Amino acid sequence: MFVPLPSEKKCSESHTVQTHRIFPNDLNSFGALYGGKLMSLIDDTASIAVSRHCRRPCMTASTDTLDFLHPIYENDSVTVQAYVSGAGRKSMEVFIKVIGEVLKTGERYLAATSFMTFVVVDSEDNFVGVPAVIPESVEEKLIHEGYQKRRDNRLKELASNKKLGEHISLTLPYMDN
């Protein structure tokens, strides 16, 4: 079913928040949240943000950056916040911030930041592109301001990786050929 999209949307319209408690089975051998578990929470939250922004089927194209800034420990909470920070014709950049909270004291800390790219996989003939992004808050404006430079860098990196891929062996290590 065709759902007409506005030509632009506010970052706040895609804003998505998930909060979870960290349990013992979420921990690595250092007593902190597994990085892979956090990556899964980030991807899940970001996917909802892009769906809110464009209301079309989308998939993760890349995790552009993920910086772990502070470990998240058992019984702390982790809040993953995401919003669309920039958009091309079929792609969207999502900014994600991860906030840890020591539930005993209420102390909060920035645990991680990430940028991801998602692409629309809609095959409808009437698809005209995703809405442009309108930042409003100081944070949104700051993040959005760097979008084009990050996008240009991503496209260069993608081209480089495709070229590298032409020389990557697909032979399994235990096979003769």
Protein backbone atom coordinates (compact mmCIF):
# COMPACT_ATOMS: atom_id res chain seq x y z
CA MET A 1 0.00 0.00 0.00
CA PHE A 2 1.36 3.42 -0.94
CA VAL A 3 1.77 5.80 1.98
CA PRO A 4 2.70 9.32 0.89
CA LEU A 5 5.72 10.71 2.72
CA PRO A 6 6.35 14.32 3.63
CA SER A 7 9.37 15.88 1.93
CA GLU A 8 11.02 16.47 5.31
CA LYS A 9 10.70 15.30 8.90
CA LYS A 10 12.08 16.43 12.24
CA CYS A 11 14.73 14.31 13.97
CA SER A 12 12.37 14.07 16.92
CA GLU A 13 9.82 12.21 14.79
CA SER A 14 12.23 9.28 14.50
CA HIS A 15 13.50 9.45 18.09
CA THR A 16 13.51 5.97 19.63
CA VAL A 17 14.49 4.95 23.17
CA GLN A 18 14.98 1.50 24.73
CA THR A 19 16.09 0.83 28.30
CA HIS A 20 17.32 -2.49 29.70
CA ARG A 21 18.78 -3.79 32.98
CA ILE A 22 22.12 -5.60 32.72
CA PHE A 23 21.94 -9.14 34.10
CA PRO A 24 24.77 -11.62 34.81
CA ASN A 25 24.22 -13.49 31.53
CA ASP A 26 24.84 -10.21 29.62
CA LEU A 27 28.41 -9.89 30.96
CA ASN A 28 31.78 -10.66 29.42
CA SER A 29 34.73 -12.08 31.39
CA PHE A 30 35.59 -8.56 32.63
CA GLY A 31 32.19 -8.12 34.28
CA ALA A 32 30.90 -5.61 31.72
CA LEU A 33 28.15 -5.81 29.09
CA TYR A 34 29.20 -7.86 26.03
CA GLY A 35 29.98 -5.56 23.12
CA GLY A 36 27.99 -7.82 20.79
CA LYS A 37 24.93 -7.61 23.03
CA LEU A 38 25.15 -3.81 22.97
CA MET A 39 25.58 -3.89 19.18
CA SER A 40 22.36 -5.90 18.90
CA LEU A 41 20.47 -3.38 21.07
CA ILE A 42 21.88 -0.52 18.97
CA ASP A 43 20.85 -2.13 15.66
CA ASP A 44 17.36 -2.89 16.96
CA THR A 45 16.80 0.65 18.23
CA ALA A 46 18.20 2.25 15.08
CA SER A 47 15.97 0.08 12.88
CA ILE A 48 12.89 1.47 14.62
CA ALA A 49 14.13 5.04 14.16
CA VAL A 50 14.53 4.61 10.38
CA SER A 51 11.13 2.94 10.11
CA ARG A 52 9.57 5.91 11.87
CA HIS A 53 11.39 8.28 9.53
CA CYS A 54 10.51 6.73 6.18
CA ARG A 55 7.75 4.17 6.85
CA ARG A 56 9.32 1.81 4.30
CA PRO A 57 11.11 -1.55 4.57
CA CYS A 58 14.77 -0.87 5.46
CA MET A 59 17.86 -2.83 6.33
CA THR A 60 21.20 -2.11 7.94
CA ALA A 61 23.80 -1.14 5.33
CA SER A 62 26.68 -0.47 7.71
CA THR A 63 27.79 0.28 11.20
CA ASP A 64 29.88 3.31 10.36
CA THR A 65 31.32 3.92 13.81
CA LEU A 66 30.82 2.44 17.23
CA ASP A 67 32.87 3.91 20.03
CA PHE A 68 32.74 2.18 23.41
CA LEU A 69 33.42 4.99 25.90
CA HIS A 70 32.57 3.49 29.29
CA PRO A 71 31.81 -0.08 30.42
CA ILE A 72 28.29 -0.93 31.55
CA TYR A 73 28.20 -3.18 34.58
CA GLU A 74 25.81 -5.70 36.14
CA ASN A 75 22.64 -4.16 37.57
CA ASP A 76 23.24 -0.88 35.75
CA SER A 77 20.68 0.11 33.16
CA VAL A 78 21.51 0.84 29.55
CA THR A 79 19.43 3.28 27.53
CA VAL A 80 19.88 3.29 23.77
CA GLN A 81 18.60 6.42 22.02
CA ALA A 82 18.52 6.75 18.24
CA TYR A 83 17.29 9.21 15.63
CA VAL A 84 17.78 9.83 11.93
CA SER A 85 20.48 12.47 11.57
CA GLY A 86 20.75 12.69 7.78
CA ALA A 87 19.11 11.31 4.65
CA GLY A 88 19.93 10.70 1.01
CA ARG A 89 17.47 9.45 -1.60
CA LYS A 90 17.36 5.84 -0.32
CA SER A 91 19.72 5.91 2.65
CA MET A 92 19.55 7.27 6.16
CA GLU A 93 22.23 7.94 8.73
CA VAL A 94 21.23 7.20 12.31
CA PHE A 95 22.95 8.66 15.35
CA ILE A 96 22.85 6.46 18.43
CA LYS A 97 23.89 7.34 21.96
CA VAL A 98 24.11 4.83 24.76
CA ILE A 99 23.66 6.03 28.32
CA GLY A 100 24.50 3.85 31.30
CA GLU A 101 23.01 4.45 34.71
CA VAL A 102 24.15 3.16 38.07
CA LEU A 103 20.71 2.32 39.42
CA LYS A 104 21.85 2.43 43.08
CA THR A 105 22.98 6.08 42.84
CA GLY A 106 21.29 7.50 39.72
CA GLU A 107 24.68 8.46 38.23
CA ARG A 108 24.50 8.50 34.42
CA TYR A 109 27.37 8.26 31.95
CA LEU A 110 27.84 8.23 28.20
CA ALA A 111 28.73 4.60 27.47
CA ALA A 112 28.93 4.63 23.65
CA THR A 113 28.11 6.53 20.49
CA SER A 114 27.48 5.14 17.04
CA PHE A 115 26.56 6.09 13.50
CA MET A 116 24.81 3.57 11.28
CA THR A 117 23.51 3.65 7.73
CA PHE A 118 20.27 2.03 6.66
CA VAL A 119 18.86 1.71 3.14
CA VAL A 120 15.32 1.45 1.86
CA VAL A 121 14.62 -1.90 0.18
CA ASP A 122 11.17 -0.90 -1.07
CA SER A 123 10.44 -2.00 -4.62
CA GLU A 124 7.38 0.18 -5.14
CA ASP A 125 7.49 2.04 -8.45
CA ASN A 126 6.14 5.19 -6.81
CA PHE A 127 8.97 5.51 -4.27
CA VAL A 128 10.37 9.03 -4.54
CA GLY A 129 12.89 9.05 -1.70
CA VAL A 130 13.10 9.41 2.04
CA PRO A 131 12.25 12.69 3.75
CA ALA A 132 15.01 15.20 4.39
CA VAL A 133 15.98 15.74 8.04
CA ILE A 134 15.14 18.82 10.09
CA PRO A 135 17.31 19.09 13.22
CA GLU A 136 15.93 21.19 16.06
CA SER A 137 17.88 20.74 19.30
CA VAL A 138 21.47 21.88 19.76
CA GLU A 139 22.61 18.23 19.74
CA GLU A 140 20.63 17.39 16.58
CA LYS A 141 22.00 20.43 14.76
CA LEU A 142 25.57 19.58 15.73
CA ILE A 143 25.19 15.95 14.62
CA HIS A 144 23.36 16.89 11.39
CA GLU A 145 26.00 19.51 10.54
CA GLY A 146 28.59 16.77 9.96
CA TYR A 147 26.29 14.50 7.92
CA GLN A 148 27.52 15.32 4.43
CA LYS A 149 31.19 14.91 5.34
CA ARG A 150 30.48 11.56 7.03
CA ARG A 151 28.41 10.46 4.01
CA ASP A 152 31.20 11.37 1.58
CA ASN A 153 33.69 9.42 3.72
CA ARG A 154 31.33 6.40 3.84
CA LEU A 155 30.98 6.37 0.05
CA LYS A 156 34.77 6.50 -0.41
CA GLU A 157 35.22 3.68 2.11
CA LEU A 158 32.52 1.61 0.39
CA ALA A 159 34.21 2.00 -2.99
CA SER A 160 37.54 1.02 -1.45
CA ASN A 161 36.00 -2.03 0.24
CA LYS A 162 34.34 -3.15 -3.01
CA LYS A 163 37.69 -2.92 -4.77
CA LEU A 164 39.34 -4.93 -1.98
CA GLY A 165 36.53 -7.48 -2.24
CA GLU A 166 37.57 -8.25 -5.80
CA HIS A 167 40.76 -9.77 -4.37
CA ILE A 168 39.33 -11.65 -1.40
CA SER A 169 39.47 -15.42 -1.67
CA LEU A 170 36.25 -17.35 -1.24
CA THR A 171 38.03 -20.69 -0.83
CA LEU A 172 37.38 -22.35 2.50
CA PRO A 173 40.56 -23.07 4.47
CA TYR A 174 39.84 -26.79 4.78
CA MET A 175 39.01 -27.28 1.09
CA ASP A 176 41.52 -28.14 -1.64
CA ASN A 177 40.13 -25.63 -4.11
